[in-house]
């Protein structure tokens, strides 16, 4: 029987919840330890699957712990989004065109941030 819509997590919500547990722990955790710290209980195999996917995406680290693994936090939300953007650009032949279109869609405030990050001062740029 399907769970009521109120019980469903938002897309990516479970991964975000597991990452929050890993981040708060400050040390590697086994799947069982992660499951024990989640707000709502999940099947052990579900926790293992989420952790394995996070590891495959490069969002969680893992190390041997007995016969299994212990997982650790690697990236915050900003880091995760940056990896997604890099992956999207990696499969594009016209990277310069994609980046040019991206920059053309930025707000003036975001342009200023980007210029500062790239070492340019937005006050030195033509309007």
PDB file of N, CA and C in Angstrom:
ATOM      1  N   UNK A   1       0.851  -1.177   0.000  1.00  0.00           N
ATOM      2  CA  UNK A   1       0.000   0.000   0.000  1.00  0.00           C
ATOM      3  C   UNK A   1       0.894   1.236   0.000  1.00  0.00           C
ATOM      4  N   UNK A   2       0.692   2.191  -0.911  1.00  0.00           N
ATOM      5  CA  UNK A   2       1.524   3.380  -0.971  1.00  0.00           C
ATOM      6  C   UNK A   2       1.311   4.258   0.252  1.00  0.00           C
ATOM      7  N   UNK A   3       2.365   4.956   0.638  1.00  0.00           N
ATOM      8  CA  UNK A   3       2.248   5.843   1.789  1.00  0.00           C
ATOM      9  C   UNK A   3       1.534   7.119   1.373  1.00  0.00           C
ATOM     10  N   UNK A   4       0.863   7.770   2.319  1.00  0.00           N
ATOM     11  CA  UNK A   4       0.189   9.026   1.985  1.00  0.00           C
ATOM     12  C   UNK A   4       1.188  10.057   1.494  1.00  0.00           C
ATOM     13  N   UNK A   5       0.707  10.970   0.641  1.00  0.00           N
ATOM     14  CA  UNK A   5       1.600  11.974   0.056  1.00  0.00           C
ATOM     15  C   UNK A   5       2.318  12.785   1.121  1.00  0.00           C
ATOM     16  N   UNK A   6       1.710  12.988   2.272  1.00  0.00           N
ATOM     17  CA  UNK A   6       2.336  13.749   3.344  1.00  0.00           C
ATOM     18  C   UNK A   6       3.573  13.066   3.903  1.00  0.00           C
ATOM     19  N   UNK A   7       3.686  11.750   3.721  1.00  0.00           N
ATOM     20  CA  UNK A   7       4.825  10.995   4.233  1.00  0.00           C
ATOM     21  C   UNK A   7       5.983  10.940   3.238  1.00  0.00           C
ATOM     22  N   UNK A   8       5.766  11.401   2.023  1.00  0.00           N
ATOM     23  CA  UNK A   8       6.797  11.302   0.986  1.00  0.00           C
ATOM     24  C   UNK A   8       7.809  12.417   1.133  1.00  0.00           C
ATOM     25  N   UNK A   9       9.063  12.076   0.864  1.00  0.00           N
ATOM     26  CA  UNK A   9      10.132  13.077   0.867  1.00  0.00           C
ATOM     27  C   UNK A   9      10.184  13.732  -0.499  1.00  0.00           C
ATOM     28  N   UNK A  10      10.674  14.963  -0.524  1.00  0.00           N
ATOM     29  CA  UNK A  10      10.893  15.651  -1.792  1.00  0.00           C
ATOM     30  C   UNK A  10      12.000  14.925  -2.539  1.00  0.00           C
ATOM     31  N   UNK A  11      12.020  15.096  -3.859  1.00  0.00           N
ATOM     32  CA  UNK A  11      13.065  14.469  -4.674  1.00  0.00           C
ATOM     33  C   UNK A  11      14.433  14.883  -4.129  1.00  0.00           C
ATOM     34  N   UNK A  12      15.273  13.910  -3.876  1.00  0.00           N
ATOM     35  CA  UNK A  12      16.594  14.184  -3.318  1.00  0.00           C
ATOM     36  C   UNK A  12      16.575  14.396  -1.819  1.00  0.00           C
ATOM     37  N   UNK A  13      15.398  14.363  -1.227  1.00  0.00           N
ATOM     38  CA  UNK A  13      15.271  14.608   0.208  1.00  0.00           C
ATOM     39  C   UNK A  13      15.959  13.560   1.056  1.00  0.00           C
ATOM     40  N   UNK A  14      15.867  12.307   0.652  1.00  0.00           N
ATOM     41  CA  UNK A  14      16.498  11.240   1.420  1.00  0.00           C
ATOM     42  C   UNK A  14      18.013  11.372   1.364  1.00  0.00           C
ATOM     43  N   UNK A  15      18.555  11.657   0.189  1.00  0.00           N
ATOM     44  CA  UNK A  15      20.000  11.847   0.079  1.00  0.00           C
ATOM     45  C   UNK A  15      20.446  13.030   0.931  1.00  0.00           C
ATOM     46  N   UNK A  16      19.685  14.118   0.891  1.00  0.00           N
ATOM     47  CA  UNK A  16      20.033  15.297   1.686  1.00  0.00           C
ATOM     48  C   UNK A  16      19.985  14.975   3.176  1.00  0.00           C
ATOM     49  N   UNK A  17      19.011  14.191   3.574  1.00  0.00           N
ATOM     50  CA  UNK A  17      18.872  13.805   4.977  1.00  0.00           C
ATOM     51  C   UNK A  17      20.064  12.950   5.420  1.00  0.00           C
ATOM     52  N   UNK A  18      20.452  12.005   4.584  1.00  0.00           N
ATOM     53  CA  UNK A  18      21.594  11.141   4.901  1.00  0.00           C
ATOM     54  C   UNK A  18      22.883  11.968   4.943  1.00  0.00           C
ATOM     55  N   UNK A  19      23.058  12.885   4.001  1.00  0.00           N
ATOM     56  CA  UNK A  19      24.240  13.748   4.016  1.00  0.00           C
ATOM     57  C   UNK A  19      24.283  14.605   5.280  1.00  0.00           C
ATOM     58  N   UNK A  20      23.131  15.087   5.728  1.00  0.00           N
ATOM     59  CA  UNK A  20      23.081  15.892   6.961  1.00  0.00           C
ATOM     60  C   UNK A  20      23.525  15.060   8.157  1.00  0.00           C
ATOM     61  N   UNK A  21      23.128  13.800   8.190  1.00  0.00           N
ATOM     62  CA  UNK A  21      23.553  12.914   9.277  1.00  0.00           C
ATOM     63  C   UNK A  21      25.067  12.739   9.246  1.00  0.00           C
ATOM     64  N   UNK A  22      25.610  12.504   8.050  1.00  0.00           N
ATOM     65  CA  UNK A  22      27.059  12.327   7.926  1.00  0.00           C
ATOM     66  C   UNK A  22      27.804  13.596   8.327  1.00  0.00           C
ATOM     67  N   UNK A  23      27.292  14.745   7.914  1.00  0.00           N
ATOM     68  CA  UNK A  23      27.944  16.012   8.244  1.00  0.00           C
ATOM     69  C   UNK A  23      27.942  16.260   9.742  1.00  0.00           C
ATOM     70  N   UNK A  24      26.812  16.029  10.382  1.00  0.00           N
ATOM     71  CA  UNK A  24      26.691  16.253  11.823  1.00  0.00           C
ATOM     72  C   UNK A  24      27.557  15.298  12.629  1.00  0.00           C
ATOM     73  N   UNK A  25      27.797  14.119  12.085  1.00  0.00           N
ATOM     74  CA  UNK A  25      28.561  13.106  12.820  1.00  0.00           C
ATOM     75  C   UNK A  25      30.013  13.519  13.003  1.00  0.00           C
ATOM     76  N   UNK A  26      30.604  14.107  11.984  1.00  0.00           N
ATOM     77  CA  UNK A  26      31.996  14.519  12.072  1.00  0.00           C
ATOM     78  C   UNK A  26      32.983  13.369  12.023  1.00  0.00           C
ATOM     79  N   UNK A  27      32.495  12.170  11.862  1.00  0.00           N
ATOM     80  CA  UNK A  27      33.339  10.979  11.763  1.00  0.00           C
ATOM     81  C   UNK A  27      32.597   9.961  10.904  1.00  0.00           C
ATOM     82  N   UNK A  28      33.317   9.033  10.276  1.00  0.00           N
ATOM     83  CA  UNK A  28      32.646   8.033   9.432  1.00  0.00           C
ATOM     84  C   UNK A  28      31.623   7.208  10.214  1.00  0.00           C
ATOM     85  N   UNK A  29      30.516   6.886   9.542  1.00  0.00           N
ATOM     86  CA  UNK A  29      29.444   6.089  10.129  1.00  0.00           C
ATOM     87  C   UNK A  29      29.128   4.893   9.252  1.00  0.00           C
ATOM     88  N   UNK A  30      28.771   3.788   9.876  1.00  0.00           N
ATOM     89  CA  UNK A  30      28.305   2.620   9.139  1.00  0.00           C
ATOM     90  C   UNK A  30      26.853   2.861   8.716  1.00  0.00           C
ATOM     91  N   UNK A  31      26.354   2.096   7.756  1.00  0.00           N
ATOM     92  CA  UNK A  31      24.944   2.250   7.371  1.00  0.00           C
ATOM     93  C   UNK A  31      23.997   2.098   8.565  1.00  0.00           C
ATOM     94  N   UNK A  32      24.286   1.190   9.466  1.00  0.00           N
ATOM     95  CA  UNK A  32      23.423   0.996  10.633  1.00  0.00           C
ATOM     96  C   UNK A  32      23.412   2.254  11.504  1.00  0.00           C
ATOM     97  N   UNK A  33      24.588   2.860  11.712  1.00  0.00           N
ATOM     98  CA  UNK A  33      24.666   4.078  12.517  1.00  0.00           C
ATOM     99  C   UNK A  33      23.925   5.230  11.849  1.00  0.00           C
ATOM    100  N   UNK A  34      24.035   5.320  10.531  1.00  0.00           N
ATOM    101  CA  UNK A  34      23.300   6.362   9.802  1.00  0.00           C
ATOM    102  C   UNK A  34      21.803   6.145   9.995  1.00  0.00           C
ATOM    103  N   UNK A  35      21.348   4.914   9.799  1.00  0.00           N
ATOM    104  CA  UNK A  35      19.931   4.599   9.946  1.00  0.00           C
ATOM    105  C   UNK A  35      19.390   4.937  11.327  1.00  0.00           C
ATOM    106  N   UNK A  36      20.191   4.714  12.344  1.00  0.00           N
ATOM    107  CA  UNK A  36      19.770   5.005  13.720  1.00  0.00           C
ATOM    108  C   UNK A  36      19.628   6.506  13.972  1.00  0.00           C
ATOM    109  N   UNK A  37      20.309   7.319  13.192  1.00  0.00           N
ATOM    110  CA  UNK A  37      20.288   8.773  13.401  1.00  0.00           C
ATOM    111  C   UNK A  37      19.277   9.494  12.521  1.00  0.00           C
ATOM    112  N   UNK A  38      18.655   8.788  11.596  1.00  0.00           N
ATOM    113  CA  UNK A  38      17.644   9.411  10.733  1.00  0.00           C
ATOM    114  C   UNK A  38      16.381   9.705  11.535  1.00  0.00           C
ATOM    115  N   UNK A  39      15.667  10.748  11.139  1.00  0.00           N
ATOM    116  CA  UNK A  39      14.447  11.137  11.841  1.00  0.00           C
ATOM    117  C   UNK A  39      13.402  10.029  11.748  1.00  0.00           C
ATOM    118  N   UNK A  40      13.199   9.525  10.529  1.00  0.00           N
ATOM    119  CA  UNK A  40      12.263   8.411  10.338  1.00  0.00           C
ATOM    120  C   UNK A  40      13.055   7.157  10.021  1.00  0.00           C
ATOM    121  N   UNK A  41      12.690   6.042  10.629  1.00  0.00           N
ATOM    122  CA  UNK A  41      13.450   4.810  10.370  1.00  0.00           C
ATOM    123  C   UNK A  41      13.288   4.327   8.928  1.00  0.00           C
ATOM    124  N   UNK A  42      14.373   3.765   8.409  1.00  0.00           N
ATOM    125  CA  UNK A  42      14.380   3.189   7.073  1.00  0.00           C
ATOM    126  C   UNK A  42      14.956   1.789   7.141  1.00  0.00           C
ATOM    127  N   UNK A  43      14.650   1.000   6.141  1.00  0.00           N
ATOM    128  CA  UNK A  43      15.238  -0.335   6.052  1.00  0.00           C
ATOM    129  C   UNK A  43      16.748  -0.198   5.872  1.00  0.00           C
ATOM    130  N   UNK A  44      17.490  -1.103   6.468  1.00  0.00           N
ATOM    131  CA  UNK A  44      18.947  -1.101   6.381  1.00  0.00           C
ATOM    132  C   UNK A  44      19.405  -1.091   4.924  1.00  0.00           C
ATOM    133  N   UNK A  45      18.741  -1.889   4.085  1.00  0.00           N
ATOM    134  CA  UNK A  45      19.143  -1.959   2.676  1.00  0.00           C
ATOM    135  C   UNK A  45      18.909  -0.628   1.954  1.00  0.00           C
ATOM    136  N   UNK A  46      17.874   0.111   2.344  1.00  0.00           N
ATOM    137  CA  UNK A  46      17.619   1.419   1.750  1.00  0.00           C
ATOM    138  C   UNK A  46      18.743   2.386   2.109  1.00  0.00           C
ATOM    139  N   UNK A  47      19.149   2.381   3.374  1.00  0.00           N
ATOM    140  CA  UNK A  47      20.246   3.249   3.811  1.00  0.00           C
ATOM    141  C   UNK A  47      21.525   2.878   3.069  1.00  0.00           C
ATOM    142  N   UNK A  48      21.789   1.572   2.930  1.00  0.00           N
ATOM    143  CA  UNK A  48      22.984   1.128   2.205  1.00  0.00           C
ATOM    144  C   UNK A  48      22.952   1.606   0.756  1.00  0.00           C
ATOM    145  N   UNK A  49      21.808   1.512   0.117  1.00  0.00           N
ATOM    146  CA  UNK A  49      21.675   1.931  -1.278  1.00  0.00           C
ATOM    147  C   UNK A  49      21.932   3.426  -1.422  1.00  0.00           C
ATOM    148  N   UNK A  50      21.351   4.233  -0.542  1.00  0.00           N
ATOM    149  CA  UNK A  50      21.546   5.681  -0.602  1.00  0.00           C
ATOM    150  C   UNK A  50      23.022   6.010  -0.393  1.00  0.00           C
ATOM    151  N   UNK A  51      23.659   5.388   0.587  1.00  0.00           N
ATOM    152  CA  UNK A  51      25.078   5.650   0.847  1.00  0.00           C
ATOM    153  C   UNK A  51      25.946   5.241  -0.351  1.00  0.00           C
ATOM    154  N   UNK A  52      25.647   4.110  -0.953  1.00  0.00           N
ATOM    155  CA  UNK A  52      26.413   3.664  -2.121  1.00  0.00           C
ATOM    156  C   UNK A  52      26.257   4.652  -3.275  1.00  0.00           C
ATOM    157  N   UNK A  53      25.053   5.159  -3.482  1.00  0.00           N
ATOM    158  CA  UNK A  53      24.826   6.140  -4.548  1.00  0.00           C
ATOM    159  C   UNK A  53      25.566   7.443  -4.263  1.00  0.00           C
ATOM    160  N   UNK A  54      25.544   7.887  -3.011  1.00  0.00           N
ATOM    161  CA  UNK A  54      26.266   9.106  -2.651  1.00  0.00           C
ATOM    162  C   UNK A  54      27.763   8.931  -2.859  1.00  0.00           C
ATOM    163  N   UNK A  55      28.265   7.753  -2.572  1.00  0.00           N
ATOM    164  CA  UNK A  55      29.685   7.468  -2.798  1.00  0.00           C
ATOM    165  C   UNK A  55      30.000   7.489  -4.297  1.00  0.00           C
ATOM    166  N   UNK A  56      29.153   6.851  -5.094  1.00  0.00           N
ATOM    167  CA  UNK A  56      29.371   6.807  -6.545  1.00  0.00           C
ATOM    168  C   UNK A  56      29.337   8.199  -7.171  1.00  0.00           C
ATOM    169  N   UNK A  57      28.531   9.106  -6.605  1.00  0.00           N
ATOM    170  CA  UNK A  57      28.437  10.475  -7.110  1.00  0.00           C
ATOM    171  C   UNK A  57      29.573  11.349  -6.593  1.00  0.00           C
ATOM    172  N   UNK A  58      30.381  10.822  -5.680  1.00  0.00           N
ATOM    173  CA  UNK A  58      31.468  11.607  -5.119  1.00  0.00           C
ATOM    174  C   UNK A  58      31.019  12.556  -4.028  1.00  0.00           C
ATOM    175  N   UNK A  59      29.859  12.312  -3.464  1.00  0.00           N
ATOM    176  CA  UNK A  59      29.324  13.186  -2.433  1.00  0.00           C
ATOM    177  C   UNK A  59      29.587  12.674  -1.029  1.00  0.00           C
ATOM    178  N   UNK A  60      29.999  11.432  -0.927  1.00  0.00           N
ATOM    179  CA  UNK A  60      30.353  10.832   0.367  1.00  0.00           C
ATOM    180  C   UNK A  60      31.608   9.999   0.169  1.00  0.00           C
ATOM    181  N   UNK A  61      32.418   9.979   1.195  1.00  0.00           N
ATOM    182  CA  UNK A  61      33.609   9.128   1.172  1.00  0.00           C
ATOM    183  C   UNK A  61      33.303   7.828   1.882  1.00  0.00           C
ATOM    184  N   UNK A  62      34.148   6.830   1.685  1.00  0.00           N
ATOM    185  CA  UNK A  62      33.948   5.589   2.435  1.00  0.00           C
ATOM    186  C   UNK A  62      35.292   4.948   2.713  1.00  0.00           C
ATOM    187  N   UNK A  63      35.304   4.194   3.802  1.00  0.00           N
ATOM    188  CA  UNK A  63      36.502   3.460   4.203  1.00  0.00           C
ATOM    189  C   UNK A  63      36.064   2.132   4.787  1.00  0.00           C
ATOM    190  N   UNK A  64      36.959   1.171   4.731  1.00  0.00           N
ATOM    191  CA  UNK A  64      36.646  -0.157   5.260  1.00  0.00           C
ATOM    192  C   UNK A  64      36.372  -0.082   6.751  1.00  0.00           C
ATOM    193  N   UNK A  65      35.331  -0.793   7.168  1.00  0.00           N
ATOM    194  CA  UNK A  65      34.981  -0.929   8.589  1.00  0.00           C
ATOM    195  C   UNK A  65      34.529  -2.360   8.787  1.00  0.00           C
ATOM    196  N   UNK A  66      35.460  -3.214   9.185  1.00  0.00           N
ATOM    197  CA  UNK A  66      35.140  -4.631   9.297  1.00  0.00           C
ATOM    198  C   UNK A  66      34.888  -5.221   7.930  1.00  0.00           C
ATOM    199  N   UNK A  67      33.752  -5.895   7.773  1.00  0.00           N
ATOM    200  CA  UNK A  67      33.423  -6.496   6.479  1.00  0.00           C
ATOM    201  C   UNK A  67      32.679  -5.535   5.558  1.00  0.00           C
ATOM    202  N   UNK A  68      32.326  -4.362   6.075  1.00  0.00           N
ATOM    203  CA  UNK A  68      31.585  -3.388   5.272  1.00  0.00           C
ATOM    204  C   UNK A  68      32.335  -2.078   5.181  1.00  0.00           C
ATOM    205  N   UNK A  69      31.579  -0.992   5.079  1.00  0.00           N
ATOM    206  CA  UNK A  69      32.156   0.342   4.935  1.00  0.00           C
ATOM    207  C   UNK A  69      31.551   1.298   5.949  1.00  0.00           C
ATOM    208  N   UNK A  70      32.324   2.324   6.256  1.00  0.00           N
ATOM    209  CA  UNK A  70      31.833   3.470   7.007  1.00  0.00           C
ATOM    210  C   UNK A  70      31.926   4.666   6.066  1.00  0.00           C
ATOM    211  N   UNK A  71      30.923   5.504   6.080  1.00  0.00           N
ATOM    212  CA  UNK A  71      30.802   6.614   5.137  1.00  0.00           C
ATOM    213  C   UNK A  71      30.994   7.952   5.848  1.00  0.00           C
ATOM    214  N   UNK A  72      31.507   8.942   5.093  1.00  0.00           N
ATOM    215  CA  UNK A  72      31.748  10.256   5.662  1.00  0.00           C
ATOM    216  C   UNK A  72      31.289  11.346   4.697  1.00  0.00           C
ATOM    217  N   UNK A  73      31.016  12.516   5.254  1.00  0.00           N
ATOM    218  CA  UNK A  73      30.563  13.682   4.496  1.00  0.00           C
ATOM    219  C   UNK A  73      31.727  14.255   3.699  1.00  0.00           C
ATOM    220  N   UNK A  74      31.490  14.578   2.414  1.00  0.00           N
ATOM    221  CA  UNK A  74      32.518  15.194   1.579  1.00  0.00           C
ATOM    222  C   UNK A  74      32.156  16.593   1.114  1.00  0.00           C
ATOM    223  N   UNK A  75      30.899  16.818   0.716  1.00  0.00           N
ATOM    224  CA  UNK A  75      30.522  18.092   0.097  1.00  0.00           C
ATOM    225  C   UNK A  75      29.211  18.622   0.652  1.00  0.00           C
ATOM    226  N   UNK A  76      29.146  19.956   0.789  1.00  0.00           N
ATOM    227  CA  UNK A  76      27.897  20.602   1.149  1.00  0.00           C
ATOM    228  C   UNK A  76      27.058  20.822  -0.115  1.00  0.00           C
ATOM    229  N   UNK A  77      25.918  21.474   0.030  1.00  0.00           N
ATOM    230  CA  UNK A  77      25.018  21.666  -1.114  1.00  0.00           C
ATOM    231  C   UNK A  77      25.694  22.450  -2.236  1.00  0.00           C
ATOM    232  N   UNK A  78      26.440  23.488  -1.879  1.00  0.00           N
ATOM    233  CA  UNK A  78      27.132  24.275  -2.911  1.00  0.00           C
ATOM    234  C   UNK A  78      28.140  23.406  -3.653  1.00  0.00           C
ATOM    235  N   UNK A  79      28.858  22.579  -2.938  1.00  0.00           N
ATOM    236  CA  UNK A  79      29.817  21.674  -3.576  1.00  0.00           C
ATOM    237  C   UNK A  79      29.133  20.670  -4.481  1.00  0.00           C
ATOM    238  N   UNK A  80      27.989  20.176  -4.036  1.00  0.00           N
ATOM    239  CA  UNK A  80      27.237  19.223  -4.855  1.00  0.00           C
ATOM    240  C   UNK A  80      26.782  19.866  -6.154  1.00  0.00           C
ATOM    241  N   UNK A  81      26.276  21.101  -6.082  1.00  0.00           N
ATOM    242  CA  UNK A  81      25.806  21.794  -7.285  1.00  0.00           C
ATOM    243  C   UNK A  81      26.970  22.074  -8.236  1.00  0.00           C
ATOM    244  N   UNK A  82      28.125  22.428  -7.677  1.00  0.00           N
ATOM    245  CA  UNK A  82      29.297  22.687  -8.516  1.00  0.00           C
ATOM    246  C   UNK A  82      29.706  21.433  -9.275  1.00  0.00           C
ATOM    247  N   UNK A  83      29.665  20.286  -8.614  1.00  0.00           N
ATOM    248  CA  UNK A  83      29.990  19.021  -9.287  1.00  0.00           C
ATOM    249  C   UNK A  83      28.981  18.740 -10.391  1.00  0.00           C
ATOM    250  N   UNK A  84      27.701  19.004 -10.133  1.00  0.00           N
ATOM    251  CA  UNK A  84      26.674  18.797 -11.157  1.00  0.00           C
ATOM    252  C   UNK A  84      26.929  19.686 -12.365  1.00  0.00           C
ATOM    253  N   UNK A  85      27.286  20.935 -12.122  1.00  0.00           N
ATOM    254  CA  UNK A  85      27.557  21.855 -13.232  1.00  0.00           C
ATOM    255  C   UNK A  85      28.765  21.387 -14.042  1.00  0.00           C
ATOM    256  N   UNK A  86      29.798  20.930 -13.352  1.00  0.00           N
ATOM    257  CA  UNK A  86      30.993  20.454 -14.056  1.00  0.00           C
ATOM    258  C   UNK A  86      30.659  19.226 -14.899  1.00  0.00           C
ATOM    259  N   UNK A  87      29.837  18.325 -14.370  1.00  0.00           N
ATOM    260  CA  UNK A  87      29.431  17.135 -15.133  1.00  0.00           C
ATOM    261  C   UNK A  87      28.641  17.530 -16.375  1.00  0.00           C
ATOM    262  N   UNK A  88      27.747  18.495 -16.222  1.00  0.00           N
ATOM    263  CA  UNK A  88      26.957  18.944 -17.373  1.00  0.00           C
ATOM    264  C   UNK A  88      27.851  19.537 -18.451  1.00  0.00           C
ATOM    265  N   UNK A  89      28.825  20.319 -18.062  1.00  0.00           N
ATOM    266  CA  UNK A  89      29.738  20.911 -19.038  1.00  0.00           C
ATOM    267  C   UNK A  89      30.659  19.880 -19.662  1.00  0.00           C
ATOM    268  N   UNK A  90      30.964  18.819 -18.930  1.00  0.00           N
ATOM    269  CA  UNK A  90      31.885  17.804 -19.420  1.00  0.00           C
ATOM    270  C   UNK A  90      31.398  17.097 -20.667  1.00  0.00           C
ATOM    271  N   UNK A  91      30.100  17.025 -20.856  1.00  0.00           N
ATOM    272  CA  UNK A  91      29.558  16.327 -22.012  1.00  0.00           C
ATOM    273  C   UNK A  91      29.198  17.240 -23.161  1.00  0.00           C
ATOM    274  N   UNK A  92      29.634  18.489 -23.117  1.00  0.00           N
ATOM    275  CA  UNK A  92      29.247  19.465 -24.135  1.00  0.00           C
ATOM    276  C   UNK A  92      30.432  19.795 -25.027  1.00  0.00           C
ATOM    277  N   UNK A  93      30.188  19.785 -26.341  1.00  0.00           N
ATOM    278  CA  UNK A  93      31.249  20.123 -27.287  1.00  0.00           C
ATOM    279  C   UNK A  93      31.525  21.626 -27.323  1.00  0.00           C
ATOM    280  N   UNK A  94      30.480  22.427 -27.250  1.00  0.00           N
ATOM    281  CA  UNK A  94      30.645  23.882 -27.344  1.00  0.00           C
ATOM    282  C   UNK A  94      30.603  24.503 -25.946  1.00  0.00           C
ATOM    283  N   UNK A  95      31.588  24.169 -25.128  1.00  0.00           N
ATOM    284  CA  UNK A  95      31.613  24.662 -23.742  1.00  0.00           C
ATOM    285  C   UNK A  95      31.588  26.178 -23.683  1.00  0.00           C
ATOM    286  N   UNK A  96      32.359  26.838 -24.552  1.00  0.00           N
ATOM    287  CA  UNK A  96      32.415  28.304 -24.533  1.00  0.00           C
ATOM    288  C   UNK A  96      31.032  28.891 -24.815  1.00  0.00           C
ATOM    289  N   UNK A  97      30.299  28.301 -25.752  1.00  0.00           N
ATOM    290  CA  UNK A  97      28.954  28.789 -26.063  1.00  0.00           C
ATOM    291  C   UNK A  97      28.019  28.614 -24.866  1.00  0.00           C
ATOM    292  N   UNK A  98      28.093  27.453 -24.237  1.00  0.00           N
ATOM    293  CA  UNK A  98      27.236  27.185 -23.079  1.00  0.00           C
ATOM    294  C   UNK A  98      27.561  28.168 -21.959  1.00  0.00           C
ATOM    295  N   UNK A  99      28.845  28.365 -21.686  1.00  0.00           N
ATOM    296  CA  UNK A  99      29.234  29.297 -20.633  1.00  0.00           C
ATOM    297  C   UNK A  99      28.808  30.727 -20.975  1.00  0.00           C
ATOM    298  N   UNK A 100      28.940  31.118 -22.246  1.00  0.00           N
ATOM    299  CA  UNK A 100      28.531  32.460 -22.660  1.00  0.00           C
ATOM    300  C   UNK A 100      27.037  32.663 -22.450  1.00  0.00           C
ATOM    301  N   UNK A 101      26.237  31.656 -22.783  1.00  0.00           N
ATOM    302  CA  UNK A 101      24.790  31.747 -22.565  1.00  0.00           C
ATOM    303  C   UNK A 101      24.470  31.799 -21.079  1.00  0.00           C
ATOM    304  N   UNK A 102      25.176  31.005 -20.303  1.00  0.00           N
ATOM    305  CA  UNK A 102      24.971  31.002 -18.852  1.00  0.00           C
ATOM    306  C   UNK A 102      25.241  32.388 -18.276  1.00  0.00           C
ATOM    307  N   UNK A 103      26.380  32.961 -18.638  1.00  0.00           N
ATOM    308  CA  UNK A 103      26.755  34.274 -18.110  1.00  0.00           C
ATOM    309  C   UNK A 103      25.767  35.339 -18.557  1.00  0.00           C
ATOM    310  N   UNK A 104      25.262  35.226 -19.784  1.00  0.00           N
ATOM    311  CA  UNK A 104      24.311  36.226 -20.275  1.00  0.00           C
ATOM    312  C   UNK A 104      22.995  36.199 -19.509  1.00  0.00           C
ATOM    313  N   UNK A 105      22.707  35.098 -18.827  1.00  0.00           N
ATOM    314  CA  UNK A 105      21.471  34.970 -18.055  1.00  0.00           C
ATOM    315  C   UNK A 105      21.625  35.394 -16.595  1.00  0.00           C
ATOM    316  N   UNK A 106      22.847  35.730 -16.168  1.00  0.00           N
ATOM    317  CA  UNK A 106      23.087  36.109 -14.777  1.00  0.00           C
ATOM    318  C   UNK A 106      22.528  37.491 -14.467  1.00  0.00           C
ATOM    319  N   UNK A 107      22.124  37.653 -13.224  1.00  0.00           N
ATOM    320  CA  UNK A 107      21.723  38.982 -12.758  1.00  0.00           C
ATOM    321  C   UNK A 107      22.983  39.825 -12.576  1.00  0.00           C
ATOM    322  N   UNK A 108      22.843  41.145 -12.540  1.00  0.00           N
ATOM    323  CA  UNK A 108      24.025  41.991 -12.309  1.00  0.00           C
ATOM    324  C   UNK A 108      24.754  41.636 -11.007  1.00  0.00           C
ATOM    325  N   UNK A 109      24.005  41.271  -9.979  1.00  0.00           N
ATOM    326  CA  UNK A 109      24.621  40.897  -8.700  1.00  0.00           C
ATOM    327  C   UNK A 109      25.445  39.618  -8.849  1.00  0.00           C
ATOM    328  N   UNK A 110      24.900  38.638  -9.581  1.00  0.00           N
ATOM    329  CA  UNK A 110      25.630  37.392  -9.799  1.00  0.00           C
ATOM    330  C   UNK A 110      26.861  37.620 -10.679  1.00  0.00           C
ATOM    331  N   UNK A 111      26.743  38.526 -11.640  1.00  0.00           N
ATOM    332  CA  UNK A 111      27.911  38.871 -12.462  1.00  0.00           C
ATOM    333  C   UNK A 111      29.026  39.440 -11.595  1.00  0.00           C
ATOM    334  N   UNK A 112      28.655  40.330 -10.655  1.00  0.00           N
ATOM    335  CA  UNK A 112      29.647  40.903  -9.745  1.00  0.00           C
ATOM    336  C   UNK A 112      30.338  39.821  -8.929  1.00  0.00           C
ATOM    337  N   UNK A 113      29.561  38.876  -8.421  1.00  0.00           N
ATOM    338  CA  UNK A 113      30.137  37.777  -7.637  1.00  0.00           C
ATOM    339  C   UNK A 113      31.097  36.972  -8.504  1.00  0.00           C
ATOM    340  N   UNK A 114      30.680  36.629  -9.716  1.00  0.00           N
ATOM    341  CA  UNK A 114      31.525  35.848 -10.611  1.00  0.00           C
ATOM    342  C   UNK A 114      32.816  36.584 -10.942  1.00  0.00           C
ATOM    343  N   UNK A 115      32.714  37.855 -11.223  1.00  0.00           N
ATOM    344  CA  UNK A 115      33.918  38.642 -11.516  1.00  0.00           C
ATOM    345  C   UNK A 115      34.878  38.664 -10.325  1.00  0.00           C
ATOM    346  N   UNK A 116      34.331  38.837  -9.127  1.00  0.00           N
ATOM    347  CA  UNK A 116      35.194  38.819  -7.931  1.00  0.00           C
ATOM    348  C   UNK A 116      35.871  37.470  -7.777  1.00  0.00           C
ATOM    349  N   UNK A 117      35.126  36.398  -8.004  1.00  0.00           N
ATOM    350  CA  UNK A 117      35.691  35.050  -7.875  1.00  0.00           C
ATOM    351  C   UNK A 117      36.776  34.793  -8.912  1.00  0.00           C
ATOM    352  N   UNK A 118      36.634  35.385 -10.081  1.00  0.00           N
ATOM    353  CA  UNK A 118      37.612  35.202 -11.146  1.00  0.00           C
ATOM    354  C   UNK A 118      38.783  36.193 -11.048  1.00  0.00           C
ATOM    355  N   UNK A 119      38.751  37.045 -10.034  1.00  0.00           N
ATOM    356  CA  UNK A 119      39.862  37.961  -9.811  1.00  0.00           C
ATOM    357  C   UNK A 119      39.713  39.304 -10.469  1.00  0.00           C
ATOM    358  N   UNK A 120      38.590  39.561 -11.113  1.00  0.00           N
ATOM    359  CA  UNK A 120      38.340  40.865 -11.711  1.00  0.00           C
ATOM    360  C   UNK A 120      37.487  41.697 -10.792  1.00  0.00           C
ATOM    361  N   UNK A 121      37.654  42.968 -10.802  1.00  0.00           N
ATOM    362  CA  UNK A 121      36.847  43.873  -9.989  1.00  0.00           C
ATOM    363  C   UNK A 121      35.718  44.402 -10.866  1.00  0.00           C
ATOM    364  N   UNK A 122      34.442  44.169 -10.501  1.00  0.00           N
ATOM    365  CA  UNK A 122      33.331  44.602 -11.352  1.00  0.00           C
ATOM    366  C   UNK A 122      33.328  46.107 -11.571  1.00  0.00           C
ATOM    367  N   UNK A 123      33.925  46.879 -10.699  1.00  0.00           N
ATOM    368  CA  UNK A 123      33.969  48.337 -10.894  1.00  0.00           C
ATOM    369  C   UNK A 123      34.898  48.708 -12.025  1.00  0.00           C
ATOM    370  N   UNK A 124      35.810  47.796 -12.414  1.00  0.00           N
ATOM    371  CA  UNK A 124      36.730  48.060 -13.511  1.00  0.00           C
ATOM    372  C   UNK A 124      36.154  47.655 -14.865  1.00  0.00           C
ATOM    373  N   UNK A 125      34.962  47.041 -14.855  1.00  0.00           N
ATOM    374  CA  UNK A 125      34.376  46.536 -16.094  1.00  0.00           C
ATOM    375  C   UNK A 125      33.509  47.597 -16.753  1.00  0.00           C
ATOM    376  N   UNK A 126      33.474  47.645 -18.084  1.00  0.00           N
ATOM    377  CA  UNK A 126      32.575  48.592 -18.764  1.00  0.00           C
ATOM    378  C   UNK A 126      31.132  48.224 -18.513  1.00  0.00           C
ATOM    379  N   UNK A 127      30.266  49.216 -18.462  1.00  0.00           N
ATOM    380  CA  UNK A 127      28.844  48.986 -18.197  1.00  0.00           C
ATOM    381  C   UNK A 127      28.101  48.579 -19.433  1.00  0.00           C
TER     382      UNK A 127
END
